[in-house]
C-alpha atoms as a PDB file:
ATOM      1  CA  MET A   1      46.200 -58.503 -61.113  1.00  0.00           C
ATOM      2  CA  PRO A   2      47.941 -60.517 -58.381  1.00  0.00           C
ATOM      3  CA  GLU A   3      47.793 -58.952 -54.931  1.00  0.00           C
ATOM      4  CA  LEU A   4      50.313 -58.802 -52.096  1.00  0.00           C
ATOM      5  CA  ARG A   5      48.820 -59.014 -48.602  1.00  0.00           C
ATOM      6  CA  LYS A   6      50.553 -58.572 -45.257  1.00  0.00           C
ATOM      7  CA  ASP A   7      49.754 -60.688 -42.211  1.00  0.00           C
ATOM      8  CA  PRO A   8      48.922 -58.270 -39.353  1.00  0.00           C
ATOM      9  CA  VAL A   9      50.537 -60.455 -36.679  1.00  0.00           C
ATOM     10  CA  VAL A  10      53.957 -61.538 -37.961  1.00  0.00           C
ATOM     11  CA  GLY A  11      54.316 -59.147 -40.892  1.00  0.00           C
ATOM     12  CA  ARG A  12      54.653 -61.956 -43.454  1.00  0.00           C
ATOM     13  CA  TRP A  13      53.660 -61.056 -47.020  1.00  0.00           C
ATOM     14  CA  VAL A  14      51.775 -63.503 -49.236  1.00  0.00           C
ATOM     15  CA  ILE A  15      50.800 -63.397 -52.892  1.00  0.00           C
ATOM     16  CA  ILE A  16      47.120 -63.865 -53.684  1.00  0.00           C
ATOM     17  CA  SER A  17      47.489 -64.937 -57.283  1.00  0.00           C
ATOM     18  CA  THR A  18      44.220 -63.859 -58.850  1.00  0.00           C
ATOM     19  CA  GLU A  19      45.710 -64.713 -62.256  1.00  0.00           C
ATOM     20  CA  ARG A  20      45.818 -68.330 -61.114  1.00  0.00           C
ATOM     21  CA  ALA A  21      42.526 -68.147 -59.230  1.00  0.00           C
ATOM     22  CA  ARG A  22      40.285 -71.135 -59.673  1.00  0.00           C
ATOM     23  CA  ARG A  23      36.924 -72.125 -58.330  1.00  0.00           C
ATOM     24  CA  PRO A  24      37.299 -73.542 -54.817  1.00  0.00           C
ATOM     25  CA  SER A  25      36.121 -76.933 -56.053  1.00  0.00           C
ATOM     26  CA  ASP A  26      38.998 -77.014 -58.550  1.00  0.00           C
ATOM     27  CA  VAL A  27      41.701 -77.140 -55.858  1.00  0.00           C
ATOM     28  CA  ALA A  28      40.425 -80.291 -54.151  1.00  0.00           C
ATOM     29  CA  GLY A  29      43.099 -82.977 -53.927  1.00  0.00           C
ATOM     30  CA  GLU A  30      43.009 -86.729 -53.501  1.00  0.00           C
ATOM     31  CA  PRO A  31      40.353 -87.565 -50.877  1.00  0.00           C
ATOM     32  CA  VAL A  32      41.354 -89.304 -47.648  1.00  0.00           C
ATOM     33  CA  ARG A  33      39.372 -92.516 -47.275  1.00  0.00           C
ATOM     34  CA  PRO A  34      40.294 -95.291 -44.785  1.00  0.00           C
ATOM     35  CA  THR A  35      41.640 -98.340 -46.607  1.00  0.00           C
ATOM     36  CA  GLY A  36      42.768-100.601 -43.776  1.00  0.00           C
ATOM     37  CA  GLN A  37      40.552-102.429 -41.311  1.00  0.00           C
ATOM     38  CA  HIS A  38      42.794-102.856 -38.299  1.00  0.00           C
ATOM     39  CA  CYS A  39      45.993-101.269 -37.006  1.00  0.00           C
ATOM     40  CA  VAL A  40      48.126-100.773 -33.930  1.00  0.00           C
ATOM     41  CA  PHE A  41      45.811 -97.981 -32.682  1.00  0.00           C
ATOM     42  CA  CYS A  42      42.630-100.055 -32.947  1.00  0.00           C
ATOM     43  CA  GLU A  43      40.767-101.430 -29.953  1.00  0.00           C
ATOM     44  CA  GLY A  44      42.126-104.846 -28.999  1.00  0.00           C
ATOM     45  CA  ASP A  45      45.708-103.995 -29.985  1.00  0.00           C
ATOM     46  CA  GLU A  46      46.576-101.983 -26.877  1.00  0.00           C
ATOM     47  CA  ALA A  47      49.595-104.202 -26.160  1.00  0.00           C
ATOM     48  CA  ARG A  48      51.204-102.988 -29.400  1.00  0.00           C
ATOM     49  CA  THR A  49      51.493 -99.400 -28.124  1.00  0.00           C
ATOM     50  CA  PRO A  50      53.454 -98.082 -25.130  1.00  0.00           C
ATOM     51  CA  PRO A  51      51.383 -98.058 -21.905  1.00  0.00           C
ATOM     52  CA  GLU A  52      48.750 -95.316 -21.856  1.00  0.00           C
ATOM     53  CA  VAL A  53      49.347 -92.177 -19.806  1.00  0.00           C
ATOM     54  CA  LEU A  54      45.678 -91.126 -19.993  1.00  0.00           C
ATOM     55  CA  ALA A  55      42.494 -92.716 -21.269  1.00  0.00           C
ATOM     56  CA  GLY A  56      38.758 -92.238 -21.248  1.00  0.00           C
ATOM     57  CA  ARG A  57      37.177 -95.458 -19.988  1.00  0.00           C
ATOM     58  CA  PRO A  58      33.428 -94.906 -19.496  1.00  0.00           C
ATOM     59  CA  GLY A  59      32.844 -98.389 -18.094  1.00  0.00           C
ATOM     60  CA  GLY A  60      35.840 -98.353 -15.786  1.00  0.00           C
ATOM     61  CA  SER A  61      37.731-100.982 -17.798  1.00  0.00           C
ATOM     62  CA  PRO A  62      41.339-101.753 -16.786  1.00  0.00           C
ATOM     63  CA  ALA A  63      44.174 -99.737 -18.306  1.00  0.00           C
ATOM     64  CA  ASN A  64      45.854-100.882 -21.515  1.00  0.00           C
ATOM     65  CA  GLY A  65      42.958-103.066 -22.610  1.00  0.00           C
ATOM     66  CA  PRO A  66      39.717-102.644 -24.576  1.00  0.00           C
ATOM     67  CA  GLY A  67      36.810-100.480 -23.421  1.00  0.00           C
ATOM     68  CA  TRP A  68      38.217 -97.002 -24.044  1.00  0.00           C
ATOM     69  CA  ALA A  69      36.827 -93.923 -25.827  1.00  0.00           C
ATOM     70  CA  TYR A  70      40.248 -92.295 -26.344  1.00  0.00           C
ATOM     71  CA  ARG A  71      43.830 -93.058 -25.310  1.00  0.00           C
ATOM     72  CA  VAL A  72      47.007 -91.012 -24.914  1.00  0.00           C
ATOM     73  CA  VAL A  73      50.232 -92.997 -25.266  1.00  0.00           C
ATOM     74  CA  PRO A  74      53.915 -92.102 -25.680  1.00  0.00           C
ATOM     75  CA  ASN A  75      55.004 -92.121 -29.311  1.00  0.00           C
ATOM     76  CA  LYS A  76      56.842 -95.365 -30.034  1.00  0.00           C
ATOM     77  CA  PHE A  77      59.266 -93.463 -32.271  1.00  0.00           C
ATOM     78  CA  PRO A  78      59.621 -90.099 -30.495  1.00  0.00           C
ATOM     79  CA  ALA A  79      61.135 -87.000 -32.063  1.00  0.00           C
ATOM     80  CA  LEU A  80      62.374 -86.039 -28.569  1.00  0.00           C
ATOM     81  CA  ARG A  81      62.923 -88.273 -25.556  1.00  0.00           C
ATOM     82  CA  ILE A  82      61.661 -87.713 -22.024  1.00  0.00           C
ATOM     83  CA  GLU A  83      64.849 -89.005 -20.365  1.00  0.00           C
ATOM     84  CA  GLY A  84      67.846 -86.849 -19.578  1.00  0.00           C
ATOM     85  CA  ASP A  85      68.826 -83.325 -18.658  1.00  0.00           C
ATOM     86  CA  ILE A  86      69.114 -80.299 -20.882  1.00  0.00           C
ATOM     87  CA  GLU A  87      72.810 -79.750 -21.498  1.00  0.00           C
ATOM     88  CA  PRO A  88      73.339 -76.764 -23.779  1.00  0.00           C
ATOM     89  CA  ALA A  89      76.751 -76.634 -25.414  1.00  0.00           C
ATOM     90  CA  GLY A  90      78.585 -74.570 -27.973  1.00  0.00           C
ATOM     91  CA  GLU A  91      80.694 -75.562 -30.940  1.00  0.00           C
ATOM     92  CA  GLY A  92      82.281 -72.323 -32.013  1.00  0.00           C
ATOM     93  CA  LEU A  93      79.399 -70.120 -33.128  1.00  0.00           C
ATOM     94  CA  PHE A  94      76.985 -73.108 -33.196  1.00  0.00           C
ATOM     95  CA  ASP A  95      74.660 -74.112 -30.336  1.00  0.00           C
ATOM     96  CA  ARG A  96      73.283 -77.495 -29.428  1.00  0.00           C
ATOM     97  CA  MET A  97      71.500 -79.252 -26.578  1.00  0.00           C
ATOM     98  CA  ASN A  98      70.225 -82.707 -25.730  1.00  0.00           C
ATOM     99  CA  GLY A  99      67.074 -83.810 -27.548  1.00  0.00           C
ATOM    100  CA  VAL A 100      64.949 -83.738 -24.401  1.00  0.00           C
ATOM    101  CA  GLY A 101      61.181 -83.452 -24.648  1.00  0.00           C
ATOM    102  CA  ALA A 102      57.970 -85.451 -24.697  1.00  0.00           C
ATOM    103  CA  HIS A 103      56.191 -86.907 -27.712  1.00  0.00           C
ATOM    104  CA  GLU A 104      52.720 -88.391 -27.226  1.00  0.00           C
ATOM    105  CA  VAL A 105      49.924 -89.651 -29.452  1.00  0.00           C
ATOM    106  CA  VAL A 106      46.252 -88.870 -28.781  1.00  0.00           C
ATOM    107  CA  ILE A 107      44.221 -91.749 -30.253  1.00  0.00           C
ATOM    108  CA  GLU A 108      40.886 -90.019 -30.754  1.00  0.00           C
ATOM    109  CA  THR A 109      38.546 -92.992 -31.124  1.00  0.00           C
ATOM    110  CA  PRO A 110      38.620 -96.802 -31.148  1.00  0.00           C
ATOM    111  CA  ARG A 111      37.028 -96.696 -34.625  1.00  0.00           C
ATOM    112  CA  HIS A 112      39.516 -97.016 -37.451  1.00  0.00           C
ATOM    113  CA  ASP A 113      37.093 -95.275 -39.824  1.00  0.00           C
ATOM    114  CA  GLY A 114      36.143 -92.460 -37.427  1.00  0.00           C
ATOM    115  CA  SER A 115      37.234 -88.819 -37.518  1.00  0.00           C
ATOM    116  CA  LEU A 116      36.816 -85.571 -35.612  1.00  0.00           C
ATOM    117  CA  ALA A 117      34.277 -84.635 -38.292  1.00  0.00           C
ATOM    118  CA  THR A 118      32.070 -87.669 -37.588  1.00  0.00           C
ATOM    119  CA  LEU A 119      32.505 -88.145 -33.831  1.00  0.00           C
ATOM    120  CA  PRO A 120      29.728 -86.834 -31.546  1.00  0.00           C
ATOM    121  CA  GLN A 121      30.389 -83.443 -29.968  1.00  0.00           C
ATOM    122  CA  GLU A 122      30.892 -85.005 -26.524  1.00  0.00           C
ATOM    123  CA  ALA A 123      33.550 -87.366 -27.876  1.00  0.00           C
ATOM    124  CA  VAL A 124      35.438 -84.461 -29.487  1.00  0.00           C
ATOM    125  CA  THR A 125      35.094 -82.560 -26.211  1.00  0.00           C
ATOM    126  CA  ASP A 126      36.700 -85.467 -24.362  1.00  0.00           C
ATOM    127  CA  VAL A 127      39.642 -85.451 -26.791  1.00  0.00           C
ATOM    128  CA  LEU A 128      40.152 -81.702 -26.311  1.00  0.00           C
ATOM    129  CA  VAL A 129      39.940 -82.034 -22.533  1.00  0.00           C
ATOM    130  CA  ALA A 130      42.523 -84.831 -22.699  1.00  0.00           C
ATOM    131  CA  CYS A 131      44.861 -82.535 -24.645  1.00  0.00           C
ATOM    132  CA  ARG A 132      44.368 -79.803 -22.065  1.00  0.00           C
ATOM    133  CA  ASP A 133      45.043 -82.208 -19.205  1.00  0.00           C
ATOM    134  CA  ARG A 134      48.240 -83.475 -20.818  1.00  0.00           C
ATOM    135  CA  ILE A 135      49.484 -79.895 -21.164  1.00  0.00           C
ATOM    136  CA  LEU A 136      48.718 -79.243 -17.498  1.00  0.00           C
ATOM    137  CA  ASP A 137      50.588 -82.376 -16.478  1.00  0.00           C
ATOM    138  CA  LEU A 138      53.641 -81.814 -18.687  1.00  0.00           C
ATOM    139  CA  LYS A 139      53.743 -78.178 -17.614  1.00  0.00           C
ATOM    140  CA  LYS A 140      54.962 -79.395 -14.225  1.00  0.00           C
ATOM    141  CA  ASP A 141      58.246 -80.468 -15.834  1.00  0.00           C
ATOM    142  CA  PRO A 142      60.605 -77.455 -15.611  1.00  0.00           C
ATOM    143  CA  ARG A 143      62.608 -78.656 -18.617  1.00  0.00           C
ATOM    144  CA  PHE A 144      59.780 -77.838 -21.039  1.00  0.00           C
ATOM    145  CA  GLU A 145      59.142 -74.376 -22.456  1.00  0.00           C
ATOM    146  CA  TYR A 146      56.440 -75.129 -25.010  1.00  0.00           C
ATOM    147  CA  ILE A 147      53.875 -77.771 -25.977  1.00  0.00           C
ATOM    148  CA  LEU A 148      52.557 -78.047 -29.518  1.00  0.00           C
ATOM    149  CA  ILE A 149      49.467 -80.107 -30.326  1.00  0.00           C
ATOM    150  CA  PHE A 150      49.067 -80.928 -33.987  1.00  0.00           C
ATOM    151  CA  LYS A 151      47.290 -83.284 -36.365  1.00  0.00           C
ATOM    152  CA  ASN A 152      48.397 -84.809 -39.672  1.00  0.00           C
ATOM    153  CA  HIS A 153      45.346 -86.215 -41.456  1.00  0.00           C
ATOM    154  CA  GLY A 154      46.087 -88.246 -44.544  1.00  0.00           C
ATOM    155  CA  GLU A 155      49.353 -89.460 -46.036  1.00  0.00           C
ATOM    156  CA  ALA A 156      49.821 -86.263 -48.070  1.00  0.00           C
ATOM    157  CA  ALA A 157      49.674 -84.295 -44.791  1.00  0.00           C
ATOM    158  CA  GLY A 158      52.353 -86.446 -43.153  1.00  0.00           C
ATOM    159  CA  ALA A 159      50.297 -89.131 -41.386  1.00  0.00           C
ATOM    160  CA  SER A 160      52.013 -92.519 -41.191  1.00  0.00           C
ATOM    161  CA  LEU A 161      48.873 -94.227 -39.835  1.00  0.00           C
ATOM    162  CA  GLU A 162      45.336 -93.549 -41.025  1.00  0.00           C
ATOM    163  CA  HIS A 163      43.634 -94.293 -37.671  1.00  0.00           C
ATOM    164  CA  PRO A 164      42.363 -90.956 -36.262  1.00  0.00           C
ATOM    165  CA  HIS A 165      44.992 -89.446 -33.985  1.00  0.00           C
ATOM    166  CA  SER A 166      46.690 -86.192 -33.027  1.00  0.00           C
ATOM    167  CA  GLN A 167      50.113 -85.652 -31.515  1.00  0.00           C
ATOM    168  CA  LEU A 168      51.697 -83.606 -28.761  1.00  0.00           C
ATOM    169  CA  ILE A 169      55.350 -82.582 -28.539  1.00  0.00           C
ATOM    170  CA  ALA A 170      56.841 -80.750 -25.567  1.00  0.00           C
ATOM    171  CA  THR A 171      60.070 -78.882 -26.338  1.00  0.00           C
ATOM    172  CA  PRO A 172      62.777 -77.196 -24.246  1.00  0.00           C
ATOM    173  CA  ILE A 173      62.668 -74.126 -26.533  1.00  0.00           C
ATOM    174  CA  ILE A 174      59.862 -72.018 -28.019  1.00  0.00           C
ATOM    175  CA  PRO A 175      59.294 -72.847 -31.727  1.00  0.00           C
ATOM    176  CA  ILE A 176      60.301 -70.060 -34.084  1.00  0.00           C
ATOM    177  CA  MET A 177      56.820 -69.700 -35.626  1.00  0.00           C
ATOM    178  CA  VAL A 178      55.313 -69.158 -32.180  1.00  0.00           C
ATOM    179  CA  ALA A 179      58.169 -66.798 -31.238  1.00  0.00           C
ATOM    180  CA  GLU A 180      57.371 -64.708 -34.338  1.00  0.00           C
ATOM    181  CA  GLU A 181      53.708 -64.536 -33.291  1.00  0.00           C
ATOM    182  CA  LEU A 182      54.672 -63.558 -29.759  1.00  0.00           C
ATOM    183  CA  SER A 183      56.930 -60.762 -31.014  1.00  0.00           C
ATOM    184  CA  GLY A 184      54.389 -59.484 -33.533  1.00  0.00           C
ATOM    185  CA  ALA A 185      51.569 -59.536 -30.985  1.00  0.00           C
ATOM    186  CA  ALA A 186      53.730 -57.731 -28.419  1.00  0.00           C
ATOM    187  CA  ARG A 187      54.580 -54.979 -30.945  1.00  0.00           C
ATOM    188  CA  TYR A 188      50.913 -54.529 -31.810  1.00  0.00           C
ATOM    189  CA  PHE A 189      49.933 -54.373 -28.138  1.00  0.00           C
ATOM    190  CA  GLU A 190      52.660 -51.827 -27.422  1.00  0.00           C
ATOM    191  CA  MET A 191      51.309 -49.562 -30.186  1.00  0.00           C
ATOM    192  CA  LYS A 192      47.574 -49.979 -29.609  1.00  0.00           C
ATOM    193  CA  GLU A 193      47.159 -51.500 -26.130  1.00  0.00           C
ATOM    194  CA  ARG A 194      44.930 -54.178 -27.654  1.00  0.00           C
ATOM    195  CA  CYS A 195      45.331 -57.825 -28.620  1.00  0.00           C
ATOM    196  CA  VAL A 196      45.767 -58.171 -32.385  1.00  0.00           C
ATOM    197  CA  TRP A 197      43.689 -61.361 -32.509  1.00  0.00           C
ATOM    198  CA  CYS A 198      40.851 -59.761 -30.531  1.00  0.00           C
ATOM    199  CA  ASP A 199      40.875 -56.942 -33.088  1.00  0.00           C
ATOM    200  CA  ILE A 200      40.833 -59.477 -35.935  1.00  0.00           C
ATOM    201  CA  VAL A 201      37.881 -61.321 -34.380  1.00  0.00           C
ATOM    202  CA  ARG A 202      35.927 -58.065 -33.908  1.00  0.00           C
ATOM    203  CA  GLN A 203      36.614 -56.740 -37.399  1.00  0.00           C
ATOM    204  CA  GLU A 204      35.937 -60.016 -39.217  1.00  0.00           C
ATOM    205  CA  SER A 205      32.763 -60.650 -37.210  1.00  0.00           C
ATOM    206  CA  ARG A 206      31.439 -57.262 -38.325  1.00  0.00           C
ATOM    207  CA  ALA A 207      32.578 -57.396 -41.959  1.00  0.00           C
ATOM    208  CA  ARG A 208      31.738 -61.117 -42.411  1.00  0.00           C
ATOM    209  CA  ARG A 209      33.531 -61.405 -45.777  1.00  0.00           C
ATOM    210  CA  ARG A 210      36.073 -63.859 -44.374  1.00  0.00           C
ATOM    211  CA  LEU A 211      33.947 -65.230 -41.539  1.00  0.00           C
ATOM    212  CA  VAL A 212      33.108 -68.926 -41.902  1.00  0.00           C
ATOM    213  CA  LEU A 213      31.364 -69.855 -38.649  1.00  0.00           C
ATOM    214  CA  GLN A 214      30.689 -68.397 -35.222  1.00  0.00           C
ATOM    215  CA  GLY A 215      28.986 -69.593 -32.069  1.00  0.00           C
ATOM    216  CA  ASP A 216      29.487 -70.993 -28.568  1.00  0.00           C
ATOM    217  CA  GLY A 217      32.360 -68.614 -27.870  1.00  0.00           C
ATOM    218  CA  PHE A 218      34.410 -69.312 -31.022  1.00  0.00           C
ATOM    219  CA  VAL A 219      34.834 -68.088 -34.579  1.00  0.00           C
ATOM    220  CA  ALA A 220      36.280 -69.765 -37.660  1.00  0.00           C
ATOM    221  CA  LEU A 221      37.616 -67.341 -40.239  1.00  0.00           C
ATOM    222  CA  ALA A 222      39.793 -67.200 -43.325  1.00  0.00           C
ATOM    223  CA  PRO A 223      42.783 -64.986 -42.440  1.00  0.00           C
ATOM    224  CA  PHE A 224      43.368 -61.829 -44.500  1.00  0.00           C
ATOM    225  CA  ALA A 225      46.764 -63.065 -45.740  1.00  0.00           C
ATOM    226  CA  PRO A 226      46.537 -66.881 -45.856  1.00  0.00           C
ATOM    227  CA  ARG A 227      49.628 -68.826 -46.829  1.00  0.00           C
ATOM    228  CA  LEU A 228      47.702 -71.635 -48.493  1.00  0.00           C
ATOM    229  CA  PRO A 229      44.222 -72.225 -49.981  1.00  0.00           C
ATOM    230  CA  PHE A 230      41.451 -72.578 -47.393  1.00  0.00           C
ATOM    231  CA  GLU A 231      43.744 -71.890 -44.439  1.00  0.00           C
ATOM    232  CA  THR A 232      41.370 -71.249 -41.528  1.00  0.00           C
ATOM    233  CA  TRP A 233      41.866 -69.949 -38.006  1.00  0.00           C
ATOM    234  CA  ILE A 234      39.615 -70.949 -35.114  1.00  0.00           C
ATOM    235  CA  LEU A 235      39.795 -68.553 -32.165  1.00  0.00           C
ATOM    236  CA  PRO A 236      37.971 -68.058 -28.857  1.00  0.00           C
ATOM    237  CA  THR A 237      36.026 -64.802 -28.869  1.00  0.00           C
ATOM    238  CA  ARG A 238      36.999 -64.257 -25.235  1.00  0.00           C
ATOM    239  CA  HIS A 239      40.633 -63.244 -24.821  1.00  0.00           C
ATOM    240  CA  ARG A 240      42.773 -66.112 -23.595  1.00  0.00           C
ATOM    241  CA  ALA A 241      46.514 -66.590 -23.935  1.00  0.00           C
ATOM    242  CA  SER A 242      46.703 -70.248 -22.902  1.00  0.00           C
ATOM    243  CA  PHE A 243      44.653 -73.168 -24.180  1.00  0.00           C
ATOM    244  CA  GLU A 244      45.035 -75.025 -20.891  1.00  0.00           C
ATOM    245  CA  GLU A 245      43.040 -72.315 -19.100  1.00  0.00           C
ATOM    246  CA  ALA A 246      39.887 -73.374 -20.965  1.00  0.00           C
ATOM    247  CA  GLY A 247      37.132 -75.071 -18.968  1.00  0.00           C
ATOM    248  CA  VAL A 248      35.111 -78.077 -20.086  1.00  0.00           C
ATOM    249  CA  GLU A 249      32.148 -75.974 -21.263  1.00  0.00           C
ATOM    250  CA  GLU A 250      34.436 -73.770 -23.303  1.00  0.00           C
ATOM    251  CA  LEU A 251      36.024 -76.825 -24.919  1.00  0.00           C
ATOM    252  CA  ARG A 252      32.570 -78.216 -25.630  1.00  0.00           C
ATOM    253  CA  GLY A 253      31.896 -75.070 -27.658  1.00  0.00           C
ATOM    254  CA  LEU A 254      35.179 -75.554 -29.514  1.00  0.00           C
ATOM    255  CA  ALA A 255      34.295 -79.189 -30.205  1.00  0.00           C
ATOM    256  CA  GLY A 256      30.983 -78.220 -31.760  1.00  0.00           C
ATOM    257  CA  LEU A 257      32.435 -75.532 -34.009  1.00  0.00           C
ATOM    258  CA  LEU A 258      35.492 -77.624 -34.973  1.00  0.00           C
ATOM    259  CA  GLY A 259      33.320 -80.581 -35.944  1.00  0.00           C
ATOM    260  CA  GLU A 260      31.010 -78.385 -38.027  1.00  0.00           C
ATOM    261  CA  PHE A 261      33.946 -76.703 -39.750  1.00  0.00           C
ATOM    262  CA  LEU A 262      35.601 -80.025 -40.623  1.00  0.00           C
ATOM    263  CA  ARG A 263      32.336 -81.345 -42.057  1.00  0.00           C
ATOM    264  CA  ARG A 264      32.020 -78.259 -44.253  1.00  0.00           C
ATOM    265  CA  MET A 265      35.634 -78.501 -45.342  1.00  0.00           C
ATOM    266  CA  ASN A 266      35.182 -82.176 -46.213  1.00  0.00           C
ATOM    267  CA  ARG A 267      32.052 -81.394 -48.224  1.00  0.00           C
ATOM    268  CA  VAL A 268      33.570 -78.513 -50.181  1.00  0.00           C
ATOM    269  CA  LEU A 269      37.010 -80.059 -50.722  1.00  0.00           C
ATOM    270  CA  HIS A 270      35.981 -83.745 -50.883  1.00  0.00           C
ATOM    271  CA  ASP A 271      37.670 -85.076 -47.709  1.00  0.00           C
ATOM    272  CA  PRO A 272      41.095 -83.487 -48.171  1.00  0.00           C
ATOM    273  CA  PRO A 273      44.263 -84.292 -46.263  1.00  0.00           C
ATOM    274  CA  TYR A 274      44.937 -81.527 -43.757  1.00  0.00           C
ATOM    275  CA  ASN A 275      47.057 -80.373 -40.839  1.00  0.00           C
ATOM    276  CA  PHE A 276      46.037 -78.482 -37.771  1.00  0.00           C
ATOM    277  CA  MET A 277      48.266 -76.825 -35.210  1.00  0.00           C
ATOM    278  CA  LEU A 278      47.329 -75.417 -31.813  1.00  0.00           C
ATOM    279  CA  HIS A 279      49.290 -72.266 -31.030  1.00  0.00           C
ATOM    280  CA  THR A 280      49.131 -71.378 -27.355  1.00  0.00           C
ATOM    281  CA  ALA A 281      51.227 -69.320 -24.955  1.00  0.00           C
ATOM    282  CA  PRO A 282      54.610 -70.569 -23.681  1.00  0.00           C
ATOM    283  CA  LEU A 283      54.556 -72.494 -20.436  1.00  0.00           C
ATOM    284  CA  ARG A 284      56.856 -70.376 -18.310  1.00  0.00           C
ATOM    285  CA  GLU A 285      56.177 -66.731 -19.184  1.00  0.00           C
ATOM    286  CA  PRO A 286      52.655 -66.325 -20.572  1.00  0.00           C
ATOM    287  CA  PRO A 287      52.337 -63.000 -22.430  1.00  0.00           C
ATOM    288  CA  GLY A 288      48.937 -62.265 -20.887  1.00  0.00           C
ATOM    289  CA  GLU A 289      47.143 -59.470 -22.721  1.00  0.00           C
ATOM    290  CA  SER A 290      49.033 -59.568 -26.030  1.00  0.00           C
ATOM    291  CA  TYR A 291      48.750 -63.253 -27.082  1.00  0.00           C
ATOM    292  CA  HIS A 292      45.606 -65.194 -28.012  1.00  0.00           C
ATOM    293  CA  TRP A 293      45.584 -68.963 -28.475  1.00  0.00           C
ATOM    294  CA  HIS A 294      44.163 -70.290 -31.731  1.00  0.00           C
ATOM    295  CA  LEU A 295      43.889 -73.349 -33.942  1.00  0.00           C
ATOM    296  CA  GLU A 296      45.215 -73.172 -37.508  1.00  0.00           C
ATOM    297  CA  VAL A 297      43.695 -75.622 -40.011  1.00  0.00           C
ATOM    298  CA  ILE A 298      45.422 -75.999 -43.387  1.00  0.00           C
ATOM    299  CA  PRO A 299      44.134 -78.406 -46.056  1.00  0.00           C
ATOM    300  CA  LYS A 300      46.887 -79.975 -48.155  1.00  0.00           C
ATOM    301  CA  LEU A 301      45.822 -78.746 -51.596  1.00  0.00           C
ATOM    302  CA  THR A 302      48.939 -77.210 -53.164  1.00  0.00           C
ATOM    303  CA  LYS A 303      52.678 -77.836 -53.027  1.00  0.00           C
ATOM    304  CA  VAL A 304      55.246 -75.515 -51.501  1.00  0.00           C
ATOM    305  CA  ALA A 305      58.053 -75.242 -54.055  1.00  0.00           C
ATOM    306  CA  GLY A 306      61.315 -73.422 -54.762  1.00  0.00           C
ATOM    307  CA  PHE A 307      59.970 -69.870 -54.849  1.00  0.00           C
ATOM    308  CA  GLU A 308      58.265 -70.269 -51.470  1.00  0.00           C
ATOM    309  CA  TRP A 309      61.290 -71.916 -49.836  1.00  0.00           C
ATOM    310  CA  GLY A 310      63.716 -69.403 -51.333  1.00  0.00           C
ATOM    311  CA  SER A 311      61.748 -66.203 -50.760  1.00  0.00           C
ATOM    312  CA  GLY A 312      59.388 -66.813 -47.857  1.00  0.00           C
ATOM    313  CA  PHE A 313      56.503 -65.648 -50.065  1.00  0.00           C
ATOM    314  CA  TYR A 314      53.609 -68.095 -50.275  1.00  0.00           C
ATOM    315  CA  ILE A 315      51.532 -68.090 -53.471  1.00  0.00           C
ATOM    316  CA  ASN A 316      47.858 -68.730 -52.789  1.00  0.00           C
ATOM    317  CA  PRO A 317      45.576 -69.204 -55.829  1.00  0.00           C
ATOM    318  CA  VAL A 318      42.321 -68.948 -53.813  1.00  0.00           C
ATOM    319  CA  PRO A 319      41.442 -65.572 -52.264  1.00  0.00           C
ATOM    320  CA  PRO A 320      40.312 -66.024 -48.651  1.00  0.00           C
ATOM    321  CA  GLU A 321      37.013 -64.280 -49.395  1.00  0.00           C
ATOM    322  CA  ASP A 322      36.194 -66.990 -51.968  1.00  0.00           C
ATOM    323  CA  ALA A 323      37.249 -69.758 -49.585  1.00  0.00           C
ATOM    324  CA  ALA A 324      35.086 -68.371 -46.772  1.00  0.00           C
ATOM    325  CA  GLU A 325      32.107 -67.995 -49.098  1.00  0.00           C
ATOM    326  CA  ALA A 326      32.403 -71.614 -50.229  1.00  0.00           C
ATOM    327  CA  LEU A 327      32.620 -72.848 -46.633  1.00  0.00           C
ATOM    328  CA  ARG A 328      29.655 -70.729 -45.546  1.00  0.00           C
ATOM    329  CA  ALA A 329      27.408 -72.105 -48.291  1.00  0.00           C
ATOM    330  CA  PRO A 330      24.679 -74.482 -47.086  1.00  0.00           C
ATOM    331  CA  SER A 331      24.968 -78.132 -48.074  1.00  0.00           C
ATOM    332  CA  GLY A 332      22.943 -79.601 -50.855  1.00  0.00           C
END
């Protein structure tokens, strides 16, 4: 029989369609394999991007030229623009404001055929530290309320370029999905005086049915009510509301676990397209004890169609226990 499951944070119900259940290997989509050899993000083409705002240059090479390990540049085609003031206005019952924000690209490696799954742990650590440092810098701008870091890997996941990169968008409002998490976490804390994500980490670490990986201060787990097949959350085991509070050693632990998880996902699902999203506390009024930052990784394996859009119910054909078991399995 199909099963309805309720997310303990936001209260969203999902359908685990055991009638449609397939082996985890059966849901693998078209693999993501680099086809091009050179692009605008490759080393030597720095003049084709906007000037870098941050870069790792181990040899001390000059800015906006070769010799970098990672670069952060403004998006050439930004969703929101850094210039201007926020000018909220009304049109009857409708609200609007200027499209003010920041949109940056984190180019993770000079190698066109690289990935977070194949980069050394120190290189992934450097990328994560760069993301943290950009949040800390943009946080100084009083116009911004929230910063979302996300990755689209593969054309099916929304990537327009195949060179390894993530993106960062700072917004003058808190995104609705984060606002729902904040509200749900606050309700849980009011009832139980505990963080809901800390409780999830403790329970899943003991039960282990949905636990994928743990170590170096982080866990990767399949959530109890996943929206999509192989959805995975990566959380710090120590309570933290804001990603930017993490130190370098903490981010090194995240880099190691993230790289290992992505390698397992690629092995089990044959290099799938995927998205990840970093949910962290708002910039201006951190919720402290009730919120817990986390990374959500979602392989692009199924399509969201009319029922999902019309009802808000996601139909997931792979129970999270089966997904976690497949990802835990040793290679070979």
